[in-house]
Amino acid sequence: MDTNTSNTWWDSYRQTIQVTQRFRELVKLAGNKEDIARNMISLEKQKYPGKDEIWYLDRLIAELREDSMMGMAY
């Protein structure tokens, strides 16, 4: 097996796992509402087209965590 092909496959697999984990985290932060999480991603993609899927997820997770922390401060 070609090492380059193997590394490409492995990198793709790892990225898929990361996206899945972050999506699950986003769903949890969105009140366990998968449809809301998907809509949030869709809106981010409209505002910031052409980014990697992981970029959108990280951005939304950070935003929801920040909002959650702000709520705790009051």
PDB file of N, CA and C in Angstrom:
ATOM      1  N   MET A   1       0.850  -1.185   0.000  1.00  0.00           N
ATOM      2  CA  MET A   1       0.000   0.000   0.000  1.00  0.00           C
ATOM      3  C   MET A   1       0.891   1.242   0.000  1.00  0.00           C
ATOM      4  N   ASP A   2       0.535   2.183  -0.804  1.00  0.00           N
ATOM      5  CA  ASP A   2       1.281   3.438  -0.894  1.00  0.00           C
ATOM      6  C   ASP A   2       1.143   4.208   0.421  1.00  0.00           C
ATOM      7  N   THR A   3       2.261   4.611   0.993  1.00  0.00           N
ATOM      8  CA  THR A   3       2.267   5.330   2.270  1.00  0.00           C
ATOM      9  C   THR A   3       1.521   6.648   2.172  1.00  0.00           C
ATOM     10  N   ASN A   4       1.679   7.354   1.058  1.00  0.00           N
ATOM     11  CA  ASN A   4       1.001   8.631   0.876  1.00  0.00           C
ATOM     12  C   ASN A   4      -0.517   8.440   0.898  1.00  0.00           C
ATOM     13  N   THR A   5      -1.010   7.404   0.228  1.00  0.00           N
ATOM     14  CA  THR A   5      -2.441   7.111   0.224  1.00  0.00           C
ATOM     15  C   THR A   5      -2.907   6.754   1.626  1.00  0.00           C
ATOM     16  N   SER A   6      -2.109   5.974   2.322  1.00  0.00           N
ATOM     17  CA  SER A   6      -2.445   5.574   3.682  1.00  0.00           C
ATOM     18  C   SER A   6      -2.525   6.788   4.600  1.00  0.00           C
ATOM     19  N   ASN A   7      -1.548   7.703   4.506  1.00  0.00           N
ATOM     20  CA  ASN A   7      -1.568   8.915   5.328  1.00  0.00           C
ATOM     21  C   ASN A   7      -2.763   9.786   4.997  1.00  0.00           C
ATOM     22  N   THR A   8      -3.096   9.905   3.724  1.00  0.00           N
ATOM     23  CA  THR A   8      -4.253  10.695   3.310  1.00  0.00           C
ATOM     24  C   THR A   8      -5.532  10.107   3.893  1.00  0.00           C
ATOM     25  N   TRP A   9      -5.653   8.800   3.822  1.00  0.00           N
ATOM     26  CA  TRP A   9      -6.837   8.139   4.375  1.00  0.00           C
ATOM     27  C   TRP A   9      -6.898   8.377   5.881  1.00  0.00           C
ATOM     28  N   TRP A  10      -5.764   8.204   6.559  1.00  0.00           N
ATOM     29  CA  TRP A  10      -5.724   8.371   8.006  1.00  0.00           C
ATOM     30  C   TRP A  10      -6.059   9.804   8.407  1.00  0.00           C
ATOM     31  N   ASP A  11      -5.508  10.775   7.706  1.00  0.00           N
ATOM     32  CA  ASP A  11      -5.795  12.179   7.992  1.00  0.00           C
ATOM     33  C   ASP A  11      -7.279  12.473   7.812  1.00  0.00           C
ATOM     34  N   SER A  12      -7.852  11.932   6.754  1.00  0.00           N
ATOM     35  CA  SER A  12      -9.281  12.125   6.495  1.00  0.00           C
ATOM     36  C   SER A  12     -10.121  11.492   7.611  1.00  0.00           C
ATOM     37  N   TYR A  13      -9.736  10.311   8.031  1.00  0.00           N
ATOM     38  CA  TYR A  13     -10.438   9.618   9.109  1.00  0.00           C
ATOM     39  C   TYR A  13     -10.369  10.422  10.408  1.00  0.00           C
ATOM     40  N   ARG A  14      -9.168  10.913  10.753  1.00  0.00           N
ATOM     41  CA  ARG A  14      -9.003  11.706  11.970  1.00  0.00           C
ATOM     42  C   ARG A  14      -9.839  12.980  11.917  1.00  0.00           C
ATOM     43  N   GLN A  15      -9.875  13.620  10.764  1.00  0.00           N
ATOM     44  CA  GLN A  15     -10.664  14.840  10.632  1.00  0.00           C
ATOM     45  C   GLN A  15     -12.152  14.534  10.796  1.00  0.00           C
ATOM     46  N   THR A  16     -12.600  13.421  10.240  1.00  0.00           N
ATOM     47  CA  THR A  16     -13.999  13.019  10.385  1.00  0.00           C
ATOM     48  C   THR A  16     -14.353  12.794  11.847  1.00  0.00           C
ATOM     49  N   ILE A  17     -13.459  12.152  12.581  1.00  0.00           N
ATOM     50  CA  ILE A  17     -13.688  11.920  14.011  1.00  0.00           C
ATOM     51  C   ILE A  17     -13.763  13.255  14.757  1.00  0.00           C
ATOM     52  N   GLN A  18     -12.867  14.179  14.448  1.00  0.00           N
ATOM     53  CA  GLN A  18     -12.868  15.487  15.109  1.00  0.00           C
ATOM     54  C   GLN A  18     -14.158  16.248  14.820  1.00  0.00           C
ATOM     55  N   VAL A  19     -14.594  16.237  13.574  1.00  0.00           N
ATOM     56  CA  VAL A  19     -15.838  16.926  13.207  1.00  0.00           C
ATOM     57  C   VAL A  19     -17.010  16.305  13.949  1.00  0.00           C
ATOM     58  N   THR A  20     -17.059  14.983  14.005  1.00  0.00           N
ATOM     59  CA  THR A  20     -18.155  14.297  14.696  1.00  0.00           C
ATOM     60  C   THR A  20     -18.177  14.651  16.173  1.00  0.00           C
ATOM     61  N   GLN A  21     -17.017  14.642  16.811  1.00  0.00           N
ATOM     62  CA  GLN A  21     -16.955  14.986  18.235  1.00  0.00           C
ATOM     63  C   GLN A  21     -17.391  16.418  18.492  1.00  0.00           C
ATOM     64  N   ARG A  22     -16.928  17.321  17.674  1.00  0.00           N
ATOM     65  CA  ARG A  22     -17.302  18.729  17.859  1.00  0.00           C
ATOM     66  C   ARG A  22     -18.778  18.955  17.557  1.00  0.00           C
ATOM     67  N   PHE A  23     -19.309  18.252  16.558  1.00  0.00           N
ATOM     68  CA  PHE A  23     -20.735  18.390  16.273  1.00  0.00           C
ATOM     69  C   PHE A  23     -21.555  17.908  17.463  1.00  0.00           C
ATOM     70  N   ARG A  24     -21.168  16.800  18.058  1.00  0.00           N
ATOM     71  CA  ARG A  24     -21.871  16.307  19.257  1.00  0.00           C
ATOM     72  C   ARG A  24     -21.813  17.327  20.382  1.00  0.00           C
ATOM     73  N   GLU A  25     -20.653  17.962  20.539  1.00  0.00           N
ATOM     74  CA  GLU A  25     -20.512  18.988  21.572  1.00  0.00           C
ATOM     75  C   GLU A  25     -21.420  20.181  21.275  1.00  0.00           C
ATOM     76  N   LEU A  26     -21.483  20.587  20.016  1.00  0.00           N
ATOM     77  CA  LEU A  26     -22.357  21.697  19.626  1.00  0.00           C
ATOM     78  C   LEU A  26     -23.819  21.355  19.897  1.00  0.00           C
ATOM     79  N   VAL A  27     -24.223  20.143  19.553  1.00  0.00           N
ATOM     80  CA  VAL A  27     -25.608  19.709  19.804  1.00  0.00           C
ATOM     81  C   VAL A  27     -25.907  19.778  21.296  1.00  0.00           C
ATOM     82  N   LYS A  28     -24.977  19.328  22.114  1.00  0.00           N
ATOM     83  CA  LYS A  28     -25.166  19.374  23.567  1.00  0.00           C
ATOM     84  C   LYS A  28     -25.337  20.815  24.036  1.00  0.00           C
ATOM     85  N   LEU A  29     -24.483  21.711  23.537  1.00  0.00           N
ATOM     86  CA  LEU A  29     -24.571  23.119  23.924  1.00  0.00           C
ATOM     87  C   LEU A  29     -25.844  23.791  23.400  1.00  0.00           C
ATOM     88  N   ALA A  30     -26.405  23.234  22.329  1.00  0.00           N
ATOM     89  CA  ALA A  30     -27.637  23.776  21.742  1.00  0.00           C
ATOM     90  C   ALA A  30     -28.869  23.092  22.330  1.00  0.00           C
ATOM     91  N   GLY A  31     -28.740  22.592  23.533  1.00  0.00           N
ATOM     92  CA  GLY A  31     -29.886  21.992  24.213  1.00  0.00           C
ATOM     93  C   GLY A  31     -30.274  20.641  23.660  1.00  0.00           C
ATOM     94  N   ASN A  32     -29.296  19.906  23.145  1.00  0.00           N
ATOM     95  CA  ASN A  32     -29.520  18.585  22.555  1.00  0.00           C
ATOM     96  C   ASN A  32     -30.480  18.625  21.370  1.00  0.00           C
ATOM     97  N   LYS A  33     -30.484  19.736  20.675  1.00  0.00           N
ATOM     98  CA  LYS A  33     -31.336  19.923  19.493  1.00  0.00           C
ATOM     99  C   LYS A  33     -30.463  19.895  18.234  1.00  0.00           C
ATOM    100  N   GLU A  34     -30.430  18.750  17.574  1.00  0.00           N
ATOM    101  CA  GLU A  34     -29.584  18.591  16.395  1.00  0.00           C
ATOM    102  C   GLU A  34     -30.002  19.528  15.265  1.00  0.00           C
ATOM    103  N   ASP A  35     -31.303  19.751  15.104  1.00  0.00           N
ATOM    104  CA  ASP A  35     -31.768  20.639  14.031  1.00  0.00           C
ATOM    105  C   ASP A  35     -31.309  22.081  14.265  1.00  0.00           C
ATOM    106  N   ILE A  36     -31.293  22.507  15.510  1.00  0.00           N
ATOM    107  CA  ILE A  36     -30.820  23.853  15.832  1.00  0.00           C
ATOM    108  C   ILE A  36     -29.328  23.961  15.532  1.00  0.00           C
ATOM    109  N   ALA A  37     -28.563  22.942  15.909  1.00  0.00           N
ATOM    110  CA  ALA A  37     -27.118  22.945  15.641  1.00  0.00           C
ATOM    111  C   ALA A  37     -26.853  23.017  14.133  1.00  0.00           C
ATOM    112  N   ARG A  38     -27.596  22.253  13.364  1.00  0.00           N
ATOM    113  CA  ARG A  38     -27.417  22.270  11.899  1.00  0.00           C
ATOM    114  C   ARG A  38     -27.778  23.645  11.317  1.00  0.00           C
ATOM    115  N   ASN A  39     -28.827  24.255  11.832  1.00  0.00           N
ATOM    116  CA  ASN A  39     -29.207  25.595  11.369  1.00  0.00           C
ATOM    117  C   ASN A  39     -28.131  26.623  11.724  1.00  0.00           C
ATOM    118  N   MET A  40     -27.558  26.495  12.893  1.00  0.00           N
ATOM    119  CA  MET A  40     -26.489  27.409  13.308  1.00  0.00           C
ATOM    120  C   MET A  40     -25.292  27.290  12.359  1.00  0.00           C
ATOM    121  N   ILE A  41     -24.937  26.063  12.013  1.00  0.00           N
ATOM    122  CA  ILE A  41     -23.825  25.836  11.086  1.00  0.00           C
ATOM    123  C   ILE A  41     -24.147  26.437   9.726  1.00  0.00           C
ATOM    124  N   SER A  42     -25.360  26.235   9.279  1.00  0.00           N
ATOM    125  CA  SER A  42     -25.788  26.770   7.982  1.00  0.00           C
ATOM    126  C   SER A  42     -25.682  28.294   7.946  1.00  0.00           C
ATOM    127  N   LEU A  43     -26.104  28.947   9.021  1.00  0.00           N
ATOM    128  CA  LEU A  43     -26.016  30.404   9.092  1.00  0.00           C
ATOM    129  C   LEU A  43     -24.566  30.875   9.090  1.00  0.00           C
ATOM    130  N   GLU A  44     -23.703  30.167   9.820  1.00  0.00           N
ATOM    131  CA  GLU A  44     -22.285  30.529   9.842  1.00  0.00           C
ATOM    132  C   GLU A  44     -21.669  30.362   8.453  1.00  0.00           C
ATOM    133  N   LYS A  45     -22.085  29.333   7.747  1.00  0.00           N
ATOM    134  CA  LYS A  45     -21.559  29.101   6.394  1.00  0.00           C
ATOM    135  C   LYS A  45     -21.987  30.216   5.443  1.00  0.00           C
ATOM    136  N   GLN A  46     -23.176  30.769   5.659  1.00  0.00           N
ATOM    137  CA  GLN A  46     -23.636  31.889   4.832  1.00  0.00           C
ATOM    138  C   GLN A  46     -22.822  33.148   5.149  1.00  0.00           C
ATOM    139  N   LYS A  47     -22.531  33.362   6.437  1.00  0.00           N
ATOM    140  CA  LYS A  47     -21.780  34.551   6.843  1.00  0.00           C
ATOM    141  C   LYS A  47     -20.310  34.454   6.471  1.00  0.00           C
ATOM    142  N   TYR A  48     -19.746  33.265   6.574  1.00  0.00           N
ATOM    143  CA  TYR A  48     -18.308  33.051   6.344  1.00  0.00           C
ATOM    144  C   TYR A  48     -18.107  31.863   5.402  1.00  0.00           C
ATOM    145  N   PRO A  49     -18.382  32.052   4.128  1.00  0.00           N
ATOM    146  CA  PRO A  49     -18.278  30.925   3.184  1.00  0.00           C
ATOM    147  C   PRO A  49     -16.832  30.466   2.962  1.00  0.00           C
ATOM    148  N   GLY A  50     -16.708  29.180   2.627  1.00  0.00           N
ATOM    149  CA  GLY A  50     -15.421  28.640   2.207  1.00  0.00           C
ATOM    150  C   GLY A  50     -14.493  28.151   3.296  1.00  0.00           C
ATOM    151  N   LYS A  51     -14.958  28.118   4.531  1.00  0.00           N
ATOM    152  CA  LYS A  51     -14.116  27.642   5.635  1.00  0.00           C
ATOM    153  C   LYS A  51     -14.270  26.122   5.789  1.00  0.00           C
ATOM    154  N   ASP A  52     -13.331  25.512   6.515  1.00  0.00           N
ATOM    155  CA  ASP A  52     -13.437  24.089   6.836  1.00  0.00           C
ATOM    156  C   ASP A  52     -14.575  23.869   7.823  1.00  0.00           C
ATOM    157  N   GLU A  53     -15.172  22.695   7.785  1.00  0.00           N
ATOM    158  CA  GLU A  53     -16.273  22.352   8.681  1.00  0.00           C
ATOM    159  C   GLU A  53     -15.870  22.527  10.147  1.00  0.00           C
ATOM    160  N   ILE A  54     -14.681  22.145  10.471  1.00  0.00           N
ATOM    161  CA  ILE A  54     -14.193  22.243  11.848  1.00  0.00           C
ATOM    162  C   ILE A  54     -14.119  23.701  12.303  1.00  0.00           C
ATOM    163  N   TRP A  55     -13.843  24.614  11.399  1.00  0.00           N
ATOM    164  CA  TRP A  55     -13.769  26.038  11.717  1.00  0.00           C
ATOM    165  C   TRP A  55     -15.131  26.537  12.202  1.00  0.00           C
ATOM    166  N   TYR A  56     -16.178  26.158  11.472  1.00  0.00           N
ATOM    167  CA  TYR A  56     -17.532  26.576  11.858  1.00  0.00           C
ATOM    168  C   TYR A  56     -17.902  26.004  13.227  1.00  0.00           C
ATOM    169  N   LEU A  57     -17.604  24.744  13.419  1.00  0.00           N
ATOM    170  CA  LEU A  57     -17.942  24.099  14.683  1.00  0.00           C
ATOM    171  C   LEU A  57     -17.196  24.741  15.852  1.00  0.00           C
ATOM    172  N   ASP A  58     -15.903  24.944  15.685  1.00  0.00           N
ATOM    173  CA  ASP A  58     -15.112  25.571  16.758  1.00  0.00           C
ATOM    174  C   ASP A  58     -15.629  26.966  17.082  1.00  0.00           C
ATOM    175  N   ARG A  59     -15.970  27.714  16.070  1.00  0.00           N
ATOM    176  CA  ARG A  59     -16.471  29.076  16.267  1.00  0.00           C
ATOM    177  C   ARG A  59     -17.792  29.070  17.053  1.00  0.00           C
ATOM    178  N   LEU A  60     -18.700  28.204  16.655  1.00  0.00           N
ATOM    179  CA  LEU A  60     -19.999  28.141  17.323  1.00  0.00           C
ATOM    180  C   LEU A  60     -19.874  27.630  18.755  1.00  0.00           C
ATOM    181  N   ILE A  61     -19.039  26.634  18.963  1.00  0.00           N
ATOM    182  CA  ILE A  61     -18.835  26.099  20.306  1.00  0.00           C
ATOM    183  C   ILE A  61     -18.261  27.181  21.216  1.00  0.00           C
ATOM    184  N   ALA A  62     -17.256  27.900  20.729  1.00  0.00           N
ATOM    185  CA  ALA A  62     -16.660  28.978  21.530  1.00  0.00           C
ATOM    186  C   ALA A  62     -17.701  30.047  21.853  1.00  0.00           C
ATOM    187  N   GLU A  63     -18.516  30.394  20.878  1.00  0.00           N
ATOM    188  CA  GLU A  63     -19.541  31.421  21.087  1.00  0.00           C
ATOM    189  C   GLU A  63     -20.560  30.969  22.132  1.00  0.00           C
ATOM    190  N   LEU A  64     -21.005  29.725  22.045  1.00  0.00           N
ATOM    191  CA  LEU A  64     -21.990  29.229  23.010  1.00  0.00           C
ATOM    192  C   LEU A  64     -21.394  29.093  24.406  1.00  0.00           C
ATOM    193  N   ARG A  65     -20.143  28.680  24.482  1.00  0.00           N
ATOM    194  CA  ARG A  65     -19.483  28.597  25.789  1.00  0.00           C
ATOM    195  C   ARG A  65     -19.360  29.983  26.407  1.00  0.00           C
ATOM    196  N   GLU A  66     -18.987  30.962  25.586  1.00  0.00           N
ATOM    197  CA  GLU A  66     -18.855  32.330  26.084  1.00  0.00           C
ATOM    198  C   GLU A  66     -20.205  32.852  26.571  1.00  0.00           C
ATOM    199  N   ASP A  67     -21.255  32.608  25.803  1.00  0.00           N
ATOM    200  CA  ASP A  67     -22.590  33.035  26.206  1.00  0.00           C
ATOM    201  C   ASP A  67     -23.000  32.362  27.521  1.00  0.00           C
ATOM    202  N   SER A  68     -22.634  31.090  27.650  1.00  0.00           N
ATOM    203  CA  SER A  68     -22.950  30.351  28.867  1.00  0.00           C
ATOM    204  C   SER A  68     -22.220  30.943  30.067  1.00  0.00           C
ATOM    205  N   MET A  69     -20.970  31.290  29.883  1.00  0.00           N
ATOM    206  CA  MET A  69     -20.179  31.883  30.959  1.00  0.00           C
ATOM    207  C   MET A  69     -20.715  33.263  31.334  1.00  0.00           C
ATOM    208  N   MET A  70     -21.176  34.016  30.358  1.00  0.00           N
ATOM    209  CA  MET A  70     -21.737  35.347  30.622  1.00  0.00           C
ATOM    210  C   MET A  70     -23.000  35.207  31.466  1.00  0.00           C
ATOM    211  N   GLY A  71     -23.792  34.184  31.183  1.00  0.00           N
ATOM    212  CA  GLY A  71     -25.008  33.942  31.945  1.00  0.00           C
ATOM    213  C   GLY A  71     -24.725  33.598  33.390  1.00  0.00           C
ATOM    214  N   MET A  72     -23.607  32.927  33.621  1.00  0.00           N
ATOM    215  CA  MET A  72     -23.234  32.539  34.975  1.00  0.00           C
ATOM    216  C   MET A  72     -22.780  33.734  35.801  1.00  0.00           C
ATOM    217  N   ALA A  73     -22.302  34.762  35.125  1.00  0.00           N
ATOM    218  CA  ALA A  73     -21.765  35.935  35.816  1.00  0.00           C
ATOM    219  C   ALA A  73     -22.875  36.784  36.451  1.00  0.00           C
ATOM    220  N   TYR A  74     -24.089  36.595  35.979  1.00  0.00           N
ATOM    221  CA  TYR A  74     -25.188  37.437  36.493  1.00  0.00           C
ATOM    222  C   TYR A  74     -25.937  36.791  37.597  1.00  0.00           C
TER     223      TYR A  74
END
